N, C-alpha and C. Protein backbone atom coordinates (compact mmCIF):
# COMPACT_ATOMS: atom_id res chain seq x y z
N UNK A 1 -35.39 -18.77 18.68
CA UNK A 1 -35.13 -18.93 19.94
C UNK A 1 -36.31 -18.40 20.99
N UNK A 2 -36.89 -18.65 21.97
CA UNK A 2 -37.73 -18.24 22.64
C UNK A 2 -37.15 -17.24 23.57
N UNK A 3 -37.87 -16.06 24.01
CA UNK A 3 -37.54 -14.97 24.73
C UNK A 3 -38.66 -14.96 25.97
N UNK A 4 -38.89 -15.95 26.41
CA UNK A 4 -39.91 -15.99 27.54
C UNK A 4 -39.32 -15.31 28.68
N UNK A 5 -38.13 -15.33 28.94
CA UNK A 5 -37.44 -14.82 30.03
C UNK A 5 -37.78 -13.27 30.31
N UNK A 6 -37.95 -12.49 29.16
CA UNK A 6 -37.99 -11.09 28.99
C UNK A 6 -39.35 -10.69 29.84
N UNK A 7 -40.30 -11.56 29.87
CA UNK A 7 -41.72 -11.33 30.34
C UNK A 7 -41.72 -11.28 31.74
N UNK A 8 -42.22 -10.29 32.57
CA UNK A 8 -42.34 -10.31 33.91
C UNK A 8 -43.29 -11.38 34.39
N UNK A 9 -43.14 -12.03 35.41
CA UNK A 9 -44.17 -13.04 35.98
C UNK A 9 -45.23 -12.14 36.78
N UNK A 10 -46.44 -12.04 36.43
CA UNK A 10 -47.59 -11.58 37.06
C UNK A 10 -47.90 -12.33 38.50
N UNK A 11 -47.92 -11.45 39.49
CA UNK A 11 -48.25 -11.88 40.84
C UNK A 11 -49.55 -11.77 41.18
N UNK A 12 -50.60 -12.64 41.47
CA UNK A 12 -51.89 -12.31 41.80
C UNK A 12 -51.96 -11.65 43.25
N UNK A 13 -53.12 -11.21 43.56
CA UNK A 13 -53.31 -10.44 44.95
C UNK A 13 -53.47 -11.35 46.05
N UNK A 14 -53.70 -12.72 46.01
CA UNK A 14 -53.74 -13.62 46.84
C UNK A 14 -52.38 -14.41 47.28
N UNK A 15 -51.53 -13.93 46.38
CA UNK A 15 -49.99 -14.48 46.67
C UNK A 15 -49.06 -13.46 47.25
N UNK A 16 -48.23 -13.88 48.20
CA UNK A 16 -47.22 -13.07 48.60
C UNK A 16 -45.86 -13.49 48.16
N UNK A 17 -45.34 -12.65 47.49
CA UNK A 17 -43.86 -12.94 46.97
C UNK A 17 -42.71 -12.31 47.85
N UNK A 18 -41.69 -13.06 48.17
CA UNK A 18 -40.63 -12.44 49.00
C UNK A 18 -39.34 -13.01 48.25
N UNK A 19 -38.59 -11.92 48.08
CA UNK A 19 -37.14 -12.25 47.39
C UNK A 19 -36.21 -11.71 48.30
N UNK A 20 -35.25 -12.69 48.65
CA UNK A 20 -34.24 -12.44 49.41
C UNK A 20 -32.92 -13.01 48.96
N UNK A 21 -32.10 -12.11 48.37
CA UNK A 21 -30.95 -12.63 47.58
C UNK A 21 -31.28 -13.27 46.15
N UNK A 22 -31.27 -14.40 46.07
CA UNK A 22 -31.42 -15.18 44.78
C UNK A 22 -32.51 -16.06 44.99
N UNK A 23 -33.03 -16.09 46.25
CA UNK A 23 -34.18 -16.89 46.55
C UNK A 23 -35.52 -16.25 46.48
N UNK A 24 -36.67 -16.80 45.75
CA UNK A 24 -37.86 -16.40 45.53
C UNK A 24 -38.71 -17.14 46.51
N UNK A 25 -39.52 -16.82 47.37
CA UNK A 25 -40.49 -17.47 48.06
C UNK A 25 -41.94 -17.13 47.71
N UNK A 26 -42.93 -17.98 47.49
CA UNK A 26 -44.27 -17.67 47.29
C UNK A 26 -45.10 -18.20 48.18
N UNK A 27 -46.06 -17.58 48.96
CA UNK A 27 -47.05 -17.99 50.03
C UNK A 27 -48.43 -17.53 49.37
N UNK A 28 -49.14 -18.65 49.21
CA UNK A 28 -50.48 -18.60 48.62
C UNK A 28 -51.42 -19.47 49.59
N UNK A 29 -52.82 -19.53 49.18
CA UNK A 29 -53.73 -20.22 49.82
C UNK A 29 -53.63 -21.56 49.93
N UNK A 30 -52.86 -22.21 49.09
CA UNK A 30 -52.50 -23.73 49.37
C UNK A 30 -51.32 -24.03 49.90
N UNK A 31 -50.28 -23.27 50.21
CA UNK A 31 -49.05 -23.36 50.72
C UNK A 31 -47.88 -22.55 50.42
N UNK A 32 -46.80 -23.00 50.75
CA UNK A 32 -45.52 -22.01 50.63
C UNK A 32 -44.50 -22.77 49.75
N UNK A 33 -43.91 -22.25 48.63
CA UNK A 33 -42.92 -22.73 47.90
C UNK A 33 -41.66 -21.71 47.67
N UNK A 34 -40.51 -22.42 47.46
CA UNK A 34 -39.37 -21.51 47.12
C UNK A 34 -38.59 -22.00 45.93
N UNK A 35 -37.83 -21.08 45.36
CA UNK A 35 -36.92 -21.43 44.15
C UNK A 35 -35.69 -20.71 44.36
N UNK A 36 -34.46 -21.08 44.07
CA UNK A 36 -33.29 -20.26 44.02
C UNK A 36 -32.81 -20.13 42.58
N UNK A 37 -32.84 -18.74 42.39
CA UNK A 37 -32.35 -18.47 40.76
C UNK A 37 -30.92 -18.63 40.63
N UNK A 38 -30.65 -18.85 39.54
CA UNK A 38 -29.15 -19.09 39.31
C UNK A 38 -28.30 -17.85 39.35
N UNK A 39 -26.88 -17.66 39.75
CA UNK A 39 -26.46 -16.84 39.93
C UNK A 39 -26.12 -15.76 38.81
N UNK A 40 -26.25 -16.27 37.59
CA UNK A 40 -26.01 -15.59 36.58
C UNK A 40 -27.15 -14.68 36.17
N UNK A 41 -28.31 -14.73 36.94
CA UNK A 41 -29.62 -14.04 36.71
C UNK A 41 -29.78 -13.07 38.17
N UNK A 42 -30.67 -11.98 37.56
CA UNK A 42 -30.93 -10.94 38.58
C UNK A 42 -32.44 -11.17 38.84
N UNK A 43 -32.84 -11.26 39.97
CA UNK A 43 -34.45 -11.16 40.17
C UNK A 43 -34.88 -9.92 41.06
N UNK A 44 -35.97 -9.38 40.71
CA UNK A 44 -36.40 -8.19 41.33
C UNK A 44 -37.83 -8.10 41.17
N UNK A 45 -38.47 -7.41 42.23
CA UNK A 45 -39.88 -7.15 42.30
C UNK A 45 -40.15 -5.84 41.60
N UNK A 46 -41.28 -5.75 40.68
CA UNK A 46 -41.57 -4.66 39.99
C UNK A 46 -43.07 -4.37 40.12
N UNK A 47 -43.59 -3.35 39.57
CA UNK A 47 -45.11 -3.06 39.72
C UNK A 47 -45.75 -4.24 38.67
N UNK A 48 -45.25 -4.68 37.79
CA UNK A 48 -45.98 -5.79 36.90
C UNK A 48 -45.88 -7.31 37.53
N UNK A 49 -44.94 -7.25 38.27
CA UNK A 49 -44.67 -8.68 38.97
C UNK A 49 -43.33 -8.96 39.45
N UNK A 50 -42.64 -10.16 39.04
CA UNK A 50 -41.28 -10.39 39.29
C UNK A 50 -40.60 -10.66 37.99
N UNK A 51 -39.70 -9.51 38.00
CA UNK A 51 -38.70 -9.42 36.76
C UNK A 51 -37.46 -10.10 36.83
N UNK A 52 -37.05 -10.93 35.86
CA UNK A 52 -35.60 -11.57 35.71
C UNK A 52 -34.94 -10.98 34.71
N UNK A 53 -33.68 -10.67 34.82
CA UNK A 53 -32.77 -10.00 33.86
C UNK A 53 -31.45 -10.76 33.85
N UNK A 54 -30.61 -10.88 32.83
CA UNK A 54 -29.50 -11.21 32.69
C UNK A 54 -28.47 -10.49 33.40
N UNK A 55 -27.39 -10.95 34.06
CA UNK A 55 -26.24 -10.37 34.77
C UNK A 55 -25.12 -10.29 33.79
N UNK A 56 -25.10 -11.35 33.06
CA UNK A 56 -24.09 -11.60 31.89
C UNK A 56 -24.55 -12.29 30.87
N UNK A 57 -24.16 -11.89 29.58
CA UNK A 57 -24.79 -12.31 28.34
C UNK A 57 -24.19 -13.62 27.96
N UNK A 58 -24.14 -14.65 28.57
CA UNK A 58 -23.72 -15.81 28.07
C UNK A 58 -24.61 -16.81 27.58
N UNK A 59 -24.16 -17.95 27.11
CA UNK A 59 -25.04 -18.97 26.58
C UNK A 59 -25.73 -19.67 27.83
N UNK A 60 -24.85 -19.81 28.86
CA UNK A 60 -25.50 -20.72 30.08
C UNK A 60 -26.52 -19.70 30.57
N UNK A 61 -26.25 -18.44 30.84
CA UNK A 61 -27.15 -17.70 31.47
C UNK A 61 -28.48 -17.61 30.59
N UNK A 62 -28.49 -17.26 29.43
CA UNK A 62 -29.71 -17.37 28.62
C UNK A 62 -30.25 -18.67 28.59
N UNK A 63 -29.69 -19.77 28.76
CA UNK A 63 -30.43 -21.11 28.83
C UNK A 63 -31.21 -21.05 30.00
N UNK A 64 -30.67 -20.42 31.05
CA UNK A 64 -31.41 -20.59 32.52
C UNK A 64 -32.54 -19.48 32.71
N UNK A 65 -32.58 -18.45 31.82
CA UNK A 65 -33.39 -17.31 31.77
C UNK A 65 -34.91 -17.68 31.79
N UNK A 66 -35.14 -18.36 30.71
CA UNK A 66 -36.64 -18.69 30.47
C UNK A 66 -37.11 -19.67 31.51
N UNK A 67 -36.06 -20.59 31.63
CA UNK A 67 -36.41 -21.79 32.82
C UNK A 67 -36.64 -21.33 34.27
N UNK A 68 -36.09 -20.18 34.45
CA UNK A 68 -36.14 -19.77 35.89
C UNK A 68 -37.44 -18.82 35.87
N UNK A 69 -37.86 -18.17 34.72
CA UNK A 69 -39.04 -17.51 34.58
C UNK A 69 -40.34 -18.52 34.86
N UNK A 70 -40.22 -19.65 34.09
CA UNK A 70 -41.08 -20.69 33.85
C UNK A 70 -41.27 -21.41 35.50
N UNK A 71 -40.22 -21.64 36.14
CA UNK A 71 -40.18 -22.11 37.39
C UNK A 71 -40.98 -21.15 38.29
N UNK A 72 -40.69 -19.94 38.40
CA UNK A 72 -41.30 -19.05 39.24
C UNK A 72 -42.86 -18.96 38.98
N UNK A 73 -43.37 -19.09 37.64
CA UNK A 73 -44.68 -19.01 37.33
C UNK A 73 -45.37 -20.45 37.90
N UNK A 74 -44.45 -21.43 37.79
CA UNK A 74 -45.09 -22.80 38.34
C UNK A 74 -45.12 -22.67 39.71
N UNK A 75 -44.43 -21.81 40.48
CA UNK A 75 -44.61 -21.59 41.94
C UNK A 75 -45.96 -20.90 42.13
N UNK A 76 -46.08 -19.98 41.49
CA UNK A 76 -47.55 -19.16 41.70
C UNK A 76 -48.56 -19.95 41.28
N UNK A 77 -48.72 -20.89 40.40
CA UNK A 77 -49.82 -21.76 40.08
C UNK A 77 -50.11 -22.87 41.05
N UNK A 78 -48.76 -23.37 41.39
CA UNK A 78 -48.95 -24.49 42.73
C UNK A 78 -49.32 -23.75 43.78
N UNK A 79 -49.18 -22.59 44.37
CA UNK A 79 -49.68 -22.25 45.59
C UNK A 79 -51.09 -21.65 45.51
N UNK A 80 -51.69 -21.28 44.08
CA UNK A 80 -52.96 -20.92 44.05
C UNK A 80 -53.91 -22.17 43.76
N UNK A 81 -53.51 -22.63 42.72
CA UNK A 81 -54.50 -23.92 42.05
C UNK A 81 -53.77 -25.28 42.47
N UNK A 82 -52.71 -25.50 42.52
CA UNK A 82 -52.01 -26.73 42.81
C UNK A 82 -52.00 -27.59 41.57
N UNK A 83 -51.43 -28.59 41.55
CA UNK A 83 -51.24 -29.52 40.43
C UNK A 83 -51.82 -30.92 40.71
N UNK A 84 -52.35 -31.59 39.49
CA UNK A 84 -52.88 -32.87 39.68
C UNK A 84 -52.53 -33.76 38.34
N UNK A 85 -52.11 -34.91 38.73
CA UNK A 85 -51.89 -35.84 37.60
C UNK A 85 -52.60 -37.13 37.81
N UNK A 86 -53.44 -37.47 36.74
CA UNK A 86 -54.41 -38.80 37.00
C UNK A 86 -53.67 -39.91 36.16
N UNK A 87 -53.89 -41.25 36.61
CA UNK A 87 -53.30 -42.37 36.20
C UNK A 87 -54.62 -43.47 36.19
N UNK A 88 -54.34 -44.35 35.37
CA UNK A 88 -55.25 -45.46 35.19
C UNK A 88 -54.44 -46.80 35.28
N UNK A 89 -54.88 -47.73 35.76
CA UNK A 89 -54.46 -48.96 35.99
C UNK A 89 -55.16 -50.10 35.15
N UNK A 90 -54.73 -50.71 34.17
CA UNK A 90 -55.33 -51.66 33.18
C UNK A 90 -54.70 -52.89 33.36
N UNK A 91 -55.60 -53.96 33.41
CA UNK A 91 -55.15 -55.47 33.71
C UNK A 91 -56.19 -56.16 34.52
N UNK A 92 -56.36 -57.46 34.39
CA UNK A 92 -57.37 -58.36 35.28
C UNK A 92 -56.49 -58.55 36.62
N UNK A 93 -57.33 -57.94 37.52
CA UNK A 93 -56.97 -58.14 38.92
C UNK A 93 -55.69 -56.87 39.45
N UNK A 94 -55.50 -55.97 38.61
CA UNK A 94 -54.56 -54.96 38.70
C UNK A 94 -55.25 -53.90 39.79
N UNK A 95 -54.81 -53.52 40.83
CA UNK A 95 -55.37 -52.54 41.54
C UNK A 95 -54.51 -51.77 42.50
N UNK A 96 -54.68 -50.73 43.15
CA UNK A 96 -54.03 -49.97 43.98
C UNK A 96 -54.82 -49.95 45.42
N UNK A 97 -53.97 -49.67 46.32
CA UNK A 97 -54.44 -49.37 47.70
C UNK A 97 -53.53 -48.34 48.50
N UNK A 98 -54.24 -47.45 49.29
CA UNK A 98 -53.31 -46.63 50.24
C UNK A 98 -53.36 -47.14 51.45
N UNK A 99 -52.18 -47.44 52.16
CA UNK A 99 -51.95 -47.63 53.49
C UNK A 99 -51.48 -46.49 54.48
N UNK A 100 -52.60 -46.02 55.16
CA UNK A 100 -52.11 -44.58 55.81
C UNK A 100 -52.13 -43.55 54.84
N UNK A 101 -51.22 -42.46 55.23
CA UNK A 101 -51.15 -41.52 54.13
C UNK A 101 -50.16 -41.35 53.40
N UNK A 102 -48.95 -42.12 53.75
CA UNK A 102 -47.77 -42.06 53.01
C UNK A 102 -47.30 -43.41 52.25
N UNK A 103 -48.07 -44.46 52.27
CA UNK A 103 -47.80 -45.75 51.75
C UNK A 103 -48.87 -46.18 50.54
N UNK A 104 -48.11 -46.37 49.35
CA UNK A 104 -49.26 -46.85 48.35
C UNK A 104 -48.70 -48.18 47.80
N UNK A 105 -49.64 -49.11 47.62
CA UNK A 105 -49.37 -50.47 47.52
C UNK A 105 -50.22 -50.83 46.31
N UNK A 106 -49.22 -51.25 44.98
CA UNK A 106 -50.05 -51.64 43.81
C UNK A 106 -49.81 -53.29 43.61
N UNK A 107 -50.70 -53.72 43.31
CA UNK A 107 -50.96 -55.00 42.87
C UNK A 107 -51.02 -55.13 41.28
N UNK A 108 -50.01 -55.16 40.67
CA UNK A 108 -49.88 -55.09 39.14
C UNK A 108 -49.32 -56.29 38.37
N UNK A 109 -49.50 -57.37 39.03
CA UNK A 109 -49.12 -58.71 38.21
C UNK A 109 -47.71 -59.16 38.55
N UNK A 110 -46.96 -58.72 39.52
CA UNK A 110 -45.99 -59.43 39.77
C UNK A 110 -46.21 -60.39 41.17
N UNK A 111 -45.26 -61.23 41.49
CA UNK A 111 -45.57 -62.27 42.50
C UNK A 111 -45.55 -61.49 43.92
N UNK A 112 -45.26 -60.19 43.97
CA UNK A 112 -45.27 -59.43 45.11
C UNK A 112 -45.83 -58.01 44.95
N UNK A 113 -46.66 -57.46 45.85
CA UNK A 113 -47.09 -55.92 45.74
C UNK A 113 -45.77 -55.05 45.58
N UNK A 114 -46.15 -54.04 44.84
CA UNK A 114 -45.10 -52.99 44.64
C UNK A 114 -45.51 -51.84 45.73
N UNK A 115 -44.60 -51.55 46.81
CA UNK A 115 -44.90 -50.65 47.89
C UNK A 115 -44.22 -49.09 47.65
N UNK A 116 -44.79 -48.16 47.54
CA UNK A 116 -44.11 -47.06 47.21
C UNK A 116 -44.51 -46.04 48.13
N UNK A 117 -43.41 -45.30 48.82
CA UNK A 117 -43.46 -44.39 49.82
C UNK A 117 -43.95 -42.86 49.06
N UNK A 118 -44.93 -42.13 49.51
CA UNK A 118 -45.63 -40.92 49.00
C UNK A 118 -44.72 -40.11 49.77
N UNK A 119 -43.91 -39.09 48.88
CA UNK A 119 -43.27 -37.89 49.81
C UNK A 119 -44.28 -36.95 50.39
N UNK A 120 -43.73 -36.39 51.23
CA UNK A 120 -44.46 -35.11 51.72
C UNK A 120 -44.67 -34.02 50.82
N UNK A 121 -45.92 -33.54 51.05
CA UNK A 121 -46.25 -32.40 50.04
C UNK A 121 -47.14 -33.06 48.88
N UNK A 122 -47.22 -34.22 48.72
CA UNK A 122 -47.93 -34.82 47.52
C UNK A 122 -48.95 -36.01 48.02
N UNK A 123 -50.18 -35.82 47.47
CA UNK A 123 -51.31 -36.60 48.05
C UNK A 123 -51.74 -37.57 46.96
N UNK A 124 -51.89 -38.93 47.32
CA UNK A 124 -52.44 -39.80 46.22
C UNK A 124 -53.70 -40.39 46.77
N UNK A 125 -54.67 -40.32 45.83
CA UNK A 125 -56.02 -40.70 46.00
C UNK A 125 -56.22 -41.97 45.09
N UNK A 126 -56.94 -42.91 45.71
CA UNK A 126 -57.23 -44.12 44.91
C UNK A 126 -58.80 -44.18 44.71
N UNK A 127 -59.12 -44.43 43.44
CA UNK A 127 -60.76 -44.51 43.39
C UNK A 127 -61.06 -45.44 42.13
N UNK A 128 -62.33 -45.40 41.85
CA UNK A 128 -62.90 -46.24 40.67
C UNK A 128 -63.67 -47.55 41.37
N UNK A 129 -64.29 -48.16 40.70
CA UNK A 129 -65.16 -49.32 40.94
C UNK A 129 -64.24 -50.47 41.41
N UNK A 130 -63.11 -50.58 40.78
CA UNK A 130 -62.01 -51.73 41.03
C UNK A 130 -60.54 -51.20 41.51
N UNK A 131 -60.96 -49.95 42.11
CA UNK A 131 -59.49 -49.42 42.83
C UNK A 131 -58.44 -49.17 41.47
N UNK A 132 -58.79 -48.87 40.41
CA UNK A 132 -58.02 -48.64 39.12
C UNK A 132 -57.69 -47.20 38.83
N UNK A 133 -58.18 -46.51 39.35
CA UNK A 133 -57.81 -45.04 39.25
C UNK A 133 -57.17 -44.16 40.20
N UNK A 134 -56.09 -43.51 39.94
CA UNK A 134 -55.18 -42.90 40.95
C UNK A 134 -55.13 -41.45 40.44
N UNK A 135 -54.86 -40.45 41.61
CA UNK A 135 -55.08 -39.05 41.49
C UNK A 135 -53.85 -38.63 42.29
N UNK A 136 -52.86 -38.09 41.74
CA UNK A 136 -51.46 -37.57 42.35
C UNK A 136 -51.73 -36.11 42.31
N UNK A 137 -51.80 -35.34 43.53
CA UNK A 137 -51.89 -33.80 43.62
C UNK A 137 -51.03 -33.45 44.54
N UNK A 138 -50.75 -32.10 44.42
CA UNK A 138 -49.72 -31.34 45.40
C UNK A 138 -49.69 -30.05 44.84
N UNK A 139 -48.79 -29.06 45.62
CA UNK A 139 -48.24 -27.78 45.16
C UNK A 139 -47.29 -27.65 44.33
N UNK A 140 -46.24 -28.56 44.36
CA UNK A 140 -44.92 -28.71 43.87
C UNK A 140 -45.10 -29.46 42.33
N UNK A 141 -45.05 -29.02 41.41
CA UNK A 141 -45.29 -29.52 40.01
C UNK A 141 -44.13 -30.61 39.88
N UNK A 142 -42.91 -30.32 40.16
CA UNK A 142 -41.86 -31.25 40.08
C UNK A 142 -42.21 -32.60 40.88
N UNK A 143 -42.63 -32.59 42.08
CA UNK A 143 -42.77 -33.57 43.04
C UNK A 143 -44.14 -34.35 42.48
N UNK A 144 -45.08 -33.63 42.11
CA UNK A 144 -46.41 -34.55 41.49
C UNK A 144 -45.87 -35.23 40.28
N UNK A 145 -45.16 -34.72 39.28
CA UNK A 145 -44.75 -35.32 38.22
C UNK A 145 -43.94 -36.58 38.47
N UNK A 146 -42.91 -36.38 39.44
CA UNK A 146 -41.90 -37.49 39.65
C UNK A 146 -42.74 -38.79 40.43
N UNK A 147 -43.68 -38.37 41.37
CA UNK A 147 -44.42 -39.36 41.85
C UNK A 147 -45.19 -40.14 40.86
N UNK A 148 -46.10 -39.44 40.06
CA UNK A 148 -46.77 -40.04 38.96
C UNK A 148 -45.74 -40.84 37.97
N UNK A 149 -44.81 -40.49 37.78
CA UNK A 149 -43.72 -41.20 36.89
C UNK A 149 -43.06 -42.50 37.47
N UNK A 150 -42.93 -42.41 38.89
CA UNK A 150 -42.62 -43.43 39.58
C UNK A 150 -43.76 -44.61 39.76
N UNK A 151 -45.17 -44.03 39.90
CA UNK A 151 -45.95 -45.21 39.88
C UNK A 151 -46.20 -45.77 38.63
N UNK A 152 -46.02 -44.95 37.24
CA UNK A 152 -46.27 -45.34 36.06
C UNK A 152 -45.13 -46.58 35.79
N UNK A 153 -43.73 -46.08 36.27
CA UNK A 153 -42.66 -47.05 36.11
C UNK A 153 -42.88 -48.42 36.75
N UNK A 154 -43.70 -48.56 37.72
CA UNK A 154 -43.81 -49.80 38.43
C UNK A 154 -44.41 -50.87 37.52
N UNK A 155 -45.21 -50.51 36.52
CA UNK A 155 -45.65 -51.48 35.50
C UNK A 155 -46.04 -50.73 34.24
N UNK A 156 -45.00 -50.33 33.58
CA UNK A 156 -45.37 -49.63 32.32
C UNK A 156 -46.19 -50.42 31.41
N UNK A 157 -47.22 -49.64 30.61
CA UNK A 157 -47.97 -50.38 29.57
C UNK A 157 -47.42 -51.05 28.65
N UNK A 158 -47.89 -52.46 28.25
CA UNK A 158 -47.11 -53.24 27.32
C UNK A 158 -47.86 -53.20 26.02
N UNK A 159 -47.37 -53.22 24.83
CA UNK A 159 -47.97 -52.88 23.66
C UNK A 159 -48.93 -54.10 23.10
N UNK A 160 -48.65 -55.30 23.60
CA UNK A 160 -49.54 -56.28 23.08
C UNK A 160 -51.10 -56.36 23.61
N UNK A 161 -50.98 -56.25 25.04
CA UNK A 161 -52.55 -56.27 25.48
C UNK A 161 -52.85 -55.20 26.29
N UNK A 162 -51.83 -54.13 26.29
CA UNK A 162 -52.28 -52.74 26.81
C UNK A 162 -52.34 -52.86 28.42
N UNK A 163 -51.65 -53.78 29.23
CA UNK A 163 -51.80 -53.94 30.63
C UNK A 163 -50.75 -53.16 31.10
N UNK A 164 -50.93 -52.39 32.37
CA UNK A 164 -49.94 -51.76 32.87
C UNK A 164 -50.50 -50.44 33.52
N UNK A 165 -49.78 -49.44 33.99
CA UNK A 165 -50.10 -48.21 34.56
C UNK A 165 -49.82 -47.05 33.75
N UNK A 166 -50.94 -46.28 33.15
CA UNK A 166 -50.70 -45.20 32.21
C UNK A 166 -51.14 -43.88 32.65
N UNK A 167 -50.76 -42.81 32.06
CA UNK A 167 -51.51 -41.59 32.28
C UNK A 167 -52.99 -41.49 31.84
N UNK A 168 -53.64 -40.86 32.44
CA UNK A 168 -55.07 -40.78 32.05
C UNK A 168 -55.10 -40.10 30.50
N UNK A 169 -55.69 -40.54 29.39
CA UNK A 169 -55.70 -40.15 28.21
C UNK A 169 -54.54 -40.37 27.35
N UNK A 170 -53.38 -41.33 27.89
CA UNK A 170 -52.36 -41.54 27.29
C UNK A 170 -52.59 -42.55 26.11
N UNK A 171 -51.86 -42.46 24.95
CA UNK A 171 -52.42 -43.50 23.91
C UNK A 171 -50.94 -44.44 23.89
N UNK A 172 -51.58 -45.72 24.05
CA UNK A 172 -50.65 -46.69 23.96
C UNK A 172 -50.60 -47.51 22.63
N UNK A 173 -49.50 -47.45 21.78
CA UNK A 173 -49.23 -48.16 20.43
C UNK A 173 -49.30 -49.64 20.76
N UNK A 174 -50.45 -50.19 20.04
CA UNK A 174 -50.58 -51.56 20.15
C UNK A 174 -50.08 -52.36 18.94
N UNK A 175 -49.54 -53.55 19.18
CA UNK A 175 -48.92 -54.48 18.44
C UNK A 175 -49.76 -55.67 18.11
N UNK A 176 -49.58 -56.29 17.01
CA UNK A 176 -50.32 -57.43 16.61
C UNK A 176 -49.28 -58.58 17.18
N UNK A 177 -50.13 -59.59 17.55
CA UNK A 177 -49.09 -60.86 18.14
C UNK A 177 -48.91 -61.67 16.98
N UNK A 178 -48.10 -62.60 17.43
CA UNK A 178 -47.56 -63.55 16.28
C UNK A 178 -48.64 -64.24 15.57
N UNK A 179 -48.44 -64.53 14.21
CA UNK A 179 -49.41 -65.32 13.64
C UNK A 179 -48.94 -66.75 13.13
N UNK A 180 -49.92 -67.75 13.31
CA UNK A 180 -49.52 -69.19 12.95
C UNK A 180 -49.49 -69.29 11.45
């Protein structure tokens, strides 16, 4: 069993950490994020960084211990570096376009265009010679991952021709078609 929760989370000098009750707020060069630690855990600021300890030794508390530590580490990375997820669109005539800052339009082989609303705090960029490359970025890891997942779900890659939206570097298992 992992004991990652025991390790304190180091806070860099360019990040301001504020703890009020069970809420941890991080403010850095890219923005501000907050996370509420579960009630079974105690969070405090030490010389080494932010330390999370168990208030009760139960299975539920232990399961949230490491997760909470990782969430706080993700906040720090988000406000300092940010997160980015790249996607590729494969298929003849498949492309993407941004309309304004908050609307993504995907032409991925349906009779209609797929229109997706980009949430606040997430930025989507379209690039490539044929508008087939997408880059989803932001400071909140969960929001960036969810938006990338929604884009991919609009047309999952199919195994016969490989058409669809996939993550950059994702391997698609290919199948052989029917033989006569």
